Protein backbone atom coordinates (compact mmCIF):
# COMPACT_ATOMS: atom_id res chain seq x y z
CA MET A 1 9.08 0.56 -22.33
CA SER A 2 6.46 -2.17 -22.78
CA ALA A 3 9.05 -4.95 -22.85
CA GLN A 4 10.59 -3.80 -19.56
CA LEU A 5 7.17 -3.48 -17.96
CA ARG A 6 6.25 -6.96 -19.12
CA ARG A 7 9.38 -8.30 -17.46
CA ALA A 8 8.51 -6.45 -14.24
CA ARG A 9 4.99 -7.86 -14.29
CA ALA A 10 6.13 -11.38 -15.05
CA SER A 11 8.77 -11.57 -12.32
CA GLY A 12 7.60 -13.88 -9.54
CA SER A 13 4.47 -15.10 -11.39
CA GLY A 14 1.70 -16.55 -9.24
CA LEU A 15 0.11 -19.96 -9.11
CA TRP A 16 -2.68 -19.18 -11.60
CA PRO A 17 -3.13 -16.98 -14.70
CA ALA A 18 -4.75 -13.63 -13.99
CA GLY A 19 -8.06 -14.43 -15.75
CA PRO A 20 -8.98 -17.59 -13.79
CA GLY A 21 -7.60 -16.00 -10.62
CA LEU A 22 -9.88 -12.97 -10.96
CA ALA A 23 -12.84 -15.24 -11.68
CA GLY A 24 -12.07 -17.24 -8.55
CA PHE A 25 -11.78 -14.12 -6.39
CA THR A 26 -15.07 -12.81 -7.81
CA ALA A 27 -16.82 -16.08 -6.91
CA LEU A 28 -15.28 -15.98 -3.43
CA ALA A 29 -16.48 -12.40 -2.87
CA LEU A 30 -20.03 -13.30 -3.98
CA ILE A 31 -20.09 -16.35 -1.71
CA ALA A 32 -18.89 -14.27 1.25
CA PHE A 33 -21.51 -11.59 0.51
CA LEU A 34 -24.35 -14.12 0.42
CA ALA A 35 -23.03 -15.83 3.55
CA ALA A 36 -22.98 -12.46 5.33
CA LEU A 37 -26.69 -12.09 4.51
CA ALA A 38 -27.59 -15.63 5.58
CA LEU A 39 -25.45 -16.29 8.67
CA GLY A 40 -25.74 -14.76 12.12
CA PRO A 41 -27.51 -15.34 15.42
CA VAL A 42 -30.56 -16.08 13.23
CA THR A 43 -29.50 -18.26 10.28
CA LEU A 44 -31.58 -18.02 7.10
CA PRO A 45 -31.53 -20.40 4.10
CA LEU A 46 -30.01 -18.92 0.97
CA GLY A 47 -33.27 -19.45 -0.87
CA ARG A 48 -35.09 -17.34 1.70
CA VAL A 49 -32.41 -14.63 1.46
CA ALA A 50 -32.79 -14.55 -2.33
CA GLN A 51 -36.57 -14.32 -2.02
CA VAL A 52 -36.35 -11.41 0.43
CA LEU A 53 -33.87 -9.58 -1.84
CA ILE A 54 -36.08 -10.03 -4.91
CA GLU A 55 -39.16 -8.88 -3.04
CA GLY A 56 -37.24 -5.96 -1.54
CA ILE A 57 -36.08 -4.81 -4.98
CA GLY A 58 -39.70 -4.98 -6.11
CA GLY A 59 -40.79 -2.83 -3.18
CA TYR A 60 -42.82 -5.60 -1.53
CA ARG A 61 -42.57 -6.40 2.17
CA GLU A 62 -44.51 -9.09 4.01
CA PRO A 63 -46.88 -7.48 6.51
CA ALA A 64 -46.26 -9.51 9.68
CA GLY A 65 -44.92 -12.65 11.33
CA ALA A 66 -41.79 -14.56 10.38
CA GLY A 67 -41.83 -13.07 6.89
CA LEU A 68 -41.53 -9.54 8.23
CA ARG A 69 -38.80 -10.67 10.64
CA ASP A 70 -36.74 -12.15 7.80
CA THR A 71 -37.24 -9.05 5.68
CA VAL A 72 -36.07 -6.74 8.45
CA ILE A 73 -33.03 -8.95 9.19
CA VAL A 74 -31.91 -9.12 5.57
CA LEU A 75 -32.79 -5.70 4.18
CA ASP A 76 -32.46 -3.44 7.21
CA VAL A 77 -29.72 -5.12 9.26
CA ARG A 78 -27.51 -7.41 7.19
CA LEU A 79 -27.61 -5.87 3.71
CA PRO A 80 -26.18 -2.43 4.68
CA ARG A 81 -23.67 -4.22 6.92
CA ALA A 82 -22.55 -6.52 4.09
CA VAL A 83 -22.29 -3.66 1.58
CA LEU A 84 -20.28 -1.55 4.04
CA GLY A 85 -18.03 -4.53 4.86
CA ALA A 86 -17.38 -5.17 1.17
CA LEU A 87 -16.51 -1.50 0.60
CA VAL A 88 -14.21 -1.32 3.63
CA GLY A 89 -12.47 -4.61 2.77
CA ALA A 90 -12.03 -3.72 -0.90
CA GLY A 91 -10.75 -0.23 -0.19
CA THR A 92 -8.36 -1.28 2.59
CA ALA A 93 -6.85 -4.18 0.62
CA MET A 94 -6.40 -2.14 -2.55
CA ALA A 95 -4.89 0.73 -0.56
CA GLY A 96 -2.40 -1.72 0.94
CA ALA A 97 -1.39 -2.95 -2.51
CA ILE A 98 -0.94 0.62 -3.77
CA MET A 99 1.17 1.59 -0.75
CA GLN A 100 3.35 -1.48 -1.17
CA GLY A 101 3.82 -0.55 -4.83
CA VAL A 102 4.66 3.09 -4.07
CA PHE A 103 7.11 2.22 -1.28
CA ARG A 104 8.37 -0.82 -3.24
CA ASN A 105 8.15 -2.68 0.05
CA PRO A 106 5.81 -5.64 0.72
CA LEU A 107 5.65 -4.66 4.41
CA ALA A 108 4.12 -1.25 3.68
CA ASP A 109 0.65 -0.57 5.04
CA PRO A 110 -1.88 2.30 4.70
CA GLY A 111 -1.23 3.11 8.37
CA LEU A 112 2.28 4.28 7.43
CA ILE A 113 0.87 7.53 6.00
CA GLY A 114 -0.97 8.41 9.20
CA VAL A 115 -4.57 7.70 8.26
CA SER A 116 -5.45 5.47 11.22
CA PRO A 117 -3.71 7.49 14.01
CA GLY A 118 -5.13 10.75 12.68
CA ALA A 119 -8.61 9.31 12.41
CA ALA A 120 -8.36 7.85 15.92
CA LEU A 121 -7.30 11.20 17.41
CA SER A 122 -10.16 13.06 15.73
CA ALA A 123 -12.66 10.39 16.71
CA VAL A 124 -11.73 10.40 20.39
CA ALA A 125 -11.70 14.23 20.35
CA TRP A 126 -15.27 14.15 19.04
CA ILE A 127 -16.32 11.55 21.62
CA VAL A 128 -14.70 13.30 24.60
CA LEU A 129 -14.90 16.98 23.70
CA GLY A 130 -17.73 17.14 21.20
CA GLY A 131 -20.33 15.18 23.12
CA SER A 132 -21.75 18.10 25.07
CA ALA A 133 -21.66 20.46 22.09
CA ALA A 134 -23.33 17.83 19.89
CA THR A 135 -26.47 17.89 22.04
CA PHE A 136 -27.33 21.25 20.48
CA LEU A 137 -26.97 19.93 16.93
CA PRO A 138 -29.69 18.27 14.82
CA LEU A 139 -29.93 14.48 15.04
CA GLU A 140 -28.39 14.00 11.57
CA ALA A 141 -25.37 16.10 12.54
CA ARG A 142 -24.90 14.14 15.78
CA THR A 143 -25.10 10.87 13.85
CA LEU A 144 -22.58 11.97 11.24
CA GLY A 145 -20.26 13.76 13.64
CA LEU A 146 -18.02 10.85 14.60
CA PRO A 147 -17.38 9.42 11.09
CA LEU A 148 -16.88 12.88 9.60
CA ALA A 149 -14.45 13.84 12.36
CA ALA A 150 -12.50 10.60 11.87
CA PHE A 151 -12.38 11.07 8.10
CA ALA A 152 -11.20 14.67 8.39
CA GLY A 153 -8.53 13.70 10.91
CA GLY A 154 -7.19 10.84 8.83
CA LEU A 155 -7.08 12.81 5.59
CA GLY A 156 -5.65 15.92 7.24
CA THR A 157 -2.85 13.97 8.94
CA THR A 158 -1.90 12.29 5.67
CA LEU A 159 -1.79 15.57 3.75
CA LEU A 160 0.39 17.10 6.48
CA ILE A 161 2.79 14.15 6.33
CA ALA A 162 2.95 14.41 2.54
CA ARG A 163 3.71 18.13 2.81
CA LEU A 164 6.52 17.49 5.30
CA ALA A 165 8.02 14.87 2.97
CA MET A 166 8.13 17.24 -0.02
CA ARG A 167 11.32 19.12 -0.81
CA GLU A 168 11.71 21.21 -3.99
CA GLY A 169 8.93 19.35 -5.74
CA TYR A 170 10.25 15.90 -4.81
CA THR A 171 8.51 13.57 -2.33
CA SER A 172 11.05 11.56 -0.34
CA MET A 173 9.52 8.20 0.53
CA ALA A 174 11.98 7.75 3.43
CA THR A 175 10.95 11.14 4.86
CA LEU A 176 7.31 10.25 4.28
CA LEU A 177 7.78 7.05 6.26
CA PHE A 178 9.58 8.71 9.18
CA ALA A 179 7.16 11.65 9.23
CA GLY A 180 4.29 9.17 9.27
CA LEU A 181 5.80 7.30 12.20
CA ALA A 182 6.50 10.52 14.12
CA LEU A 183 3.10 12.12 13.57
CA GLY A 184 1.43 8.76 14.17
CA ALA A 185 3.16 8.54 17.55
CA LEU A 186 2.19 12.15 18.32
CA ALA A 187 -1.45 11.45 17.38
CA SER A 188 -1.43 8.31 19.55
CA ALA A 189 -0.08 10.35 22.48
CA GLY A 190 -2.86 12.90 22.01
CA THR A 191 -5.36 10.09 21.86
CA GLY A 192 -4.00 8.70 25.14
CA VAL A 193 -4.40 12.08 26.85
CA LEU A 194 -8.01 12.38 25.68
CA VAL A 195 -8.82 8.81 26.73
CA PHE A 196 -7.40 9.62 30.18
CA MET A 197 -9.85 12.54 30.36
CA ALA A 198 -12.80 10.49 29.13
CA SER A 199 -15.60 9.04 31.22
CA GLU A 200 -16.05 5.29 31.51
CA GLN A 201 -18.82 5.28 28.89
CA GLN A 202 -16.74 7.38 26.49
CA SER A 203 -13.74 5.08 26.97
CA ARG A 204 -15.84 2.01 26.13
CA GLU A 205 -17.21 3.69 23.02
CA PHE A 206 -13.76 4.66 21.81
CA LEU A 207 -12.24 1.26 22.63
CA PHE A 208 -14.87 -0.54 20.57
CA TRP A 209 -14.37 1.94 17.71
CA THR A 210 -10.58 1.48 17.68
CA LEU A 211 -10.97 -2.31 17.54
CA GLY A 212 -13.28 -2.06 14.52
CA SER A 213 -16.89 -3.05 14.00
CA LEU A 214 -19.58 -3.13 11.34
CA GLY A 215 -22.29 -3.24 14.01
CA GLY A 216 -23.34 0.36 13.43
CA ALA A 217 -23.70 -0.04 9.66
CA THR A 218 -26.46 2.04 8.09
CA TRP A 219 -27.27 3.13 4.56
CA MET A 220 -26.13 6.61 5.59
CA LYS A 221 -22.65 5.26 6.42
CA VAL A 222 -22.64 3.31 3.16
CA GLY A 223 -23.45 6.50 1.31
CA LEU A 224 -20.64 8.37 3.05
CA THR A 225 -18.06 5.63 2.45
CA ALA A 226 -18.93 4.55 -1.09
CA PRO A 227 -17.80 7.67 -3.04
CA PHE A 228 -14.29 7.61 -1.57
CA VAL A 229 -13.80 3.86 -2.00
CA ILE A 230 -15.18 4.11 -5.56
CA LEU A 231 -12.66 6.91 -6.19
CA LEU A 232 -9.90 4.54 -5.05
CA LEU A 233 -11.24 1.74 -7.26
CA ALA A 234 -11.59 4.06 -10.25
CA ALA A 235 -8.01 5.30 -9.87
CA ALA A 236 -6.59 1.75 -9.90
CA PRO A 237 -6.44 1.24 -13.70
CA PHE A 238 -4.61 4.55 -14.11
CA LEU A 239 -2.12 3.72 -11.33
CA ALA A 240 -1.41 0.11 -12.37
CA ARG A 241 1.00 0.77 -15.22
CA GLY A 242 2.92 3.37 -13.23
CA LEU A 243 3.25 1.04 -10.23
CA ASP A 244 4.63 -1.68 -12.51
CA ALA A 245 7.22 0.78 -13.82
CA LEU A 246 8.01 1.99 -10.31
CA ALA A 247 8.91 -1.59 -9.35
CA LEU A 248 12.03 -1.15 -11.49
CA GLY A 249 13.12 1.82 -9.33
CA GLU A 250 12.31 5.54 -9.40
CA ALA A 251 15.20 6.47 -11.69
CA GLU A 252 14.39 3.70 -14.15
CA ALA A 253 10.69 4.58 -14.08
CA PHE A 254 11.51 8.24 -14.77
CA HIS A 255 13.66 7.29 -17.77
CA LEU A 256 10.79 5.15 -19.04
CA GLY A 257 8.66 8.29 -19.18
CA LEU A 258 6.73 7.91 -15.91
CA ARG A 259 5.86 11.11 -14.03
CA VAL A 260 6.95 9.64 -10.72
CA GLU A 261 6.04 12.56 -8.45
CA ARG A 262 2.58 12.84 -9.96
CA LEU A 263 2.02 9.12 -9.44
CA LYS A 264 3.11 9.25 -5.78
CA ARG A 265 0.93 12.24 -4.98
CA ILE A 266 -2.18 10.80 -6.63
CA ALA A 267 -1.60 7.46 -4.90
CA ILE A 268 -1.22 9.06 -1.47
CA VAL A 269 -4.34 11.22 -1.87
CA VAL A 270 -6.65 8.46 -3.12
CA VAL A 271 -5.35 6.01 -0.49
CA ALA A 272 -5.86 8.57 2.28
CA ALA A 273 -9.39 9.33 1.08
CA GLY A 274 -10.40 5.67 0.69
CA VAL A 275 -8.85 4.42 3.93
CA GLY A 276 -10.00 7.50 5.84
CA ALA A 277 -13.59 6.82 4.81
CA ALA A 278 -13.22 3.12 5.69
CA VAL A 279 -11.78 3.85 9.13
CA ALA A 280 -14.43 6.50 9.77
CA SER A 281 -17.22 4.01 9.06
CA ALA A 282 -15.88 0.77 10.55
CA GLY A 283 -13.08 1.78 12.90
CA VAL A 284 -9.52 0.51 12.74
CA VAL A 285 -9.33 -2.94 11.13
CA GLY A 286 -5.79 -4.23 10.91
CA PHE A 287 -3.93 -6.70 8.67
CA VAL A 288 -6.35 -6.65 5.73
CA GLY A 289 -4.27 -4.09 3.82
CA LEU A 290 -1.09 -5.94 4.72
CA VAL A 291 -1.94 -9.61 4.19
CA VAL A 292 -4.41 -9.58 1.27
CA PRO A 293 -1.92 -8.17 -1.30
CA HIS A 294 0.52 -10.93 -0.34
CA LEU A 295 -2.13 -13.59 -0.92
CA VAL A 296 -3.00 -12.13 -4.30
CA ARG A 297 0.65 -11.94 -5.40
CA LEU A 298 1.11 -15.59 -4.44
CA SER A 299 -1.99 -16.43 -6.49
CA ILE A 300 -1.74 -14.42 -9.71
CA GLY A 301 1.61 -12.63 -9.61
CA PRO A 302 2.71 -9.01 -9.04
CA GLY A 303 1.34 -7.24 -12.15
CA HIS A 304 -0.80 -4.40 -10.81
CA ARG A 305 -3.31 -4.44 -13.66
CA ALA A 306 -4.74 -7.69 -12.26
CA LEU A 307 -3.38 -7.33 -8.71
CA LEU A 308 -5.43 -4.25 -7.75
CA PRO A 309 -8.91 -5.51 -8.73
CA ALA A 310 -8.07 -8.93 -7.28
CA CYS A 311 -7.10 -7.27 -3.98
CA ALA A 312 -10.45 -5.45 -3.95
CA LEU A 313 -12.34 -8.71 -4.44
CA LEU A 314 -10.34 -10.74 -1.94
CA GLY A 315 -10.31 -7.87 0.57
CA ALA A 316 -14.11 -7.73 0.46
CA ALA A 317 -14.32 -11.50 0.91
CA VAL A 318 -11.84 -11.54 3.81
CA LEU A 319 -13.51 -8.71 5.71
CA LEU A 320 -16.98 -10.19 5.24
CA GLY A 321 -15.67 -13.57 6.42
CA ALA A 322 -14.09 -11.95 9.48
CA ASP A 323 -17.36 -10.15 10.25
CA ILE A 324 -19.26 -13.45 10.04
CA LEU A 325 -16.83 -14.97 12.55
CA ALA A 326 -17.16 -11.90 14.79
CA ARG A 327 -20.92 -12.42 14.90
CA LEU A 328 -20.87 -16.20 15.35
CA ILE A 329 -17.98 -16.93 17.73
CA ALA A 330 -19.58 -15.34 20.81
CA ALA A 331 -23.21 -15.11 19.65
CA PRO A 332 -25.44 -13.37 20.61
CA ALA A 333 -22.57 -11.05 21.62
CA GLU A 334 -20.23 -9.71 18.95
CA LEU A 335 -16.45 -9.68 18.94
CA PRO A 336 -14.71 -6.53 17.66
CA LEU A 337 -13.85 -6.98 13.99
CA GLY A 338 -10.23 -5.89 14.43
CA VAL A 339 -9.69 -8.65 16.99
CA VAL A 340 -10.78 -11.31 14.50
CA THR A 341 -8.63 -9.95 11.67
CA ALA A 342 -5.63 -9.77 14.00
CA LEU A 343 -6.15 -13.32 15.31
CA VAL A 344 -6.26 -14.65 11.75
CA GLY A 345 -3.93 -12.20 10.03
CA ALA A 346 -1.02 -12.02 12.49
CA PRO A 347 -0.13 -15.75 12.42
CA PHE A 348 -0.50 -15.82 8.65
CA PHE A 349 1.74 -12.80 8.29
CA LEU A 350 4.38 -14.44 10.50
CA TRP A 351 4.21 -17.47 8.22
CA LEU A 352 4.73 -15.21 5.21
CA LEU A 353 7.77 -13.63 6.83
CA ARG A 354 9.20 -17.06 7.62
CA ARG A 355 8.54 -18.18 4.06
CA ARG A 356 10.29 -15.10 2.61
CA SER A 357 13.28 -15.68 4.90
CA ALA A 358 13.51 -19.30 3.77
CA ILE A 359 13.34 -18.27 0.11
CA GLY A 360 15.85 -15.45 0.60
């Protein structure tokens, strides 16, 4: 079994060995995180950012003036935004890599299992139908209502799709794909009906949410998102070996001793939970889960033991970089995050497709 898995991992090796590649992605993620704390409409030197972080950890805050301004910018505005962006980017990119491994298709995306359409439908239902009812709820419940509704909708849609794809204990990936497309289209139609019913203010709120943004980042959102993304990250080492075996084909993986159905179900559940939490907190951000795994495979090869953590690191770096551009391009206004990722990711993905066609 190990010899066959080694051959599967080694096929199409990347430009660099896994160790240096992971070190490079770690450095890139740290640079992007620090840049996210330093850059914005008000640019701060890295030394000042480091000083504010050290003082913040020690519980000290400057009482007034420019010092207090810098402290508020770094600790209260940019730090939760950067942490949330890193979580969303890491979770989305790793989910994309897992889905591509499960489907054995490099064009697979977390959206195929219905997370984003289901989350969008639940979010717009909360915005349009839950607004009046929410006025009677406590402030905390009103604040958490939208992300919790989006998370529940995304996870519920995915579980329904997985149930439809199961026949006699076997999950058909083709049925899963078609069920995802069908229910995704149905959810999008429901979303369209609700948007038609919405007021102008509600339509603007939903439009900005569907295009993605980290502008509403708070420590509460970080706390809601982190457990599900951490679950996805923690599952990666246990999924890696099975995904490598699955690359040989389901029948071959089964004969190698892999419990294929168990692997697929665990992968779908953890991806739905991680991506659902990410979408609930930051809206729909496209192309990260599709493009980042391709970049990592080109860099360090297809072996999932290194691929999955590398995707988490590069995904965090890419999303933080996109958020920096979203804040700087039209400052002091802010572009939707999904617009930036699409502007950068779509041309790159077309280049990848052209490259694969030339190779094939």
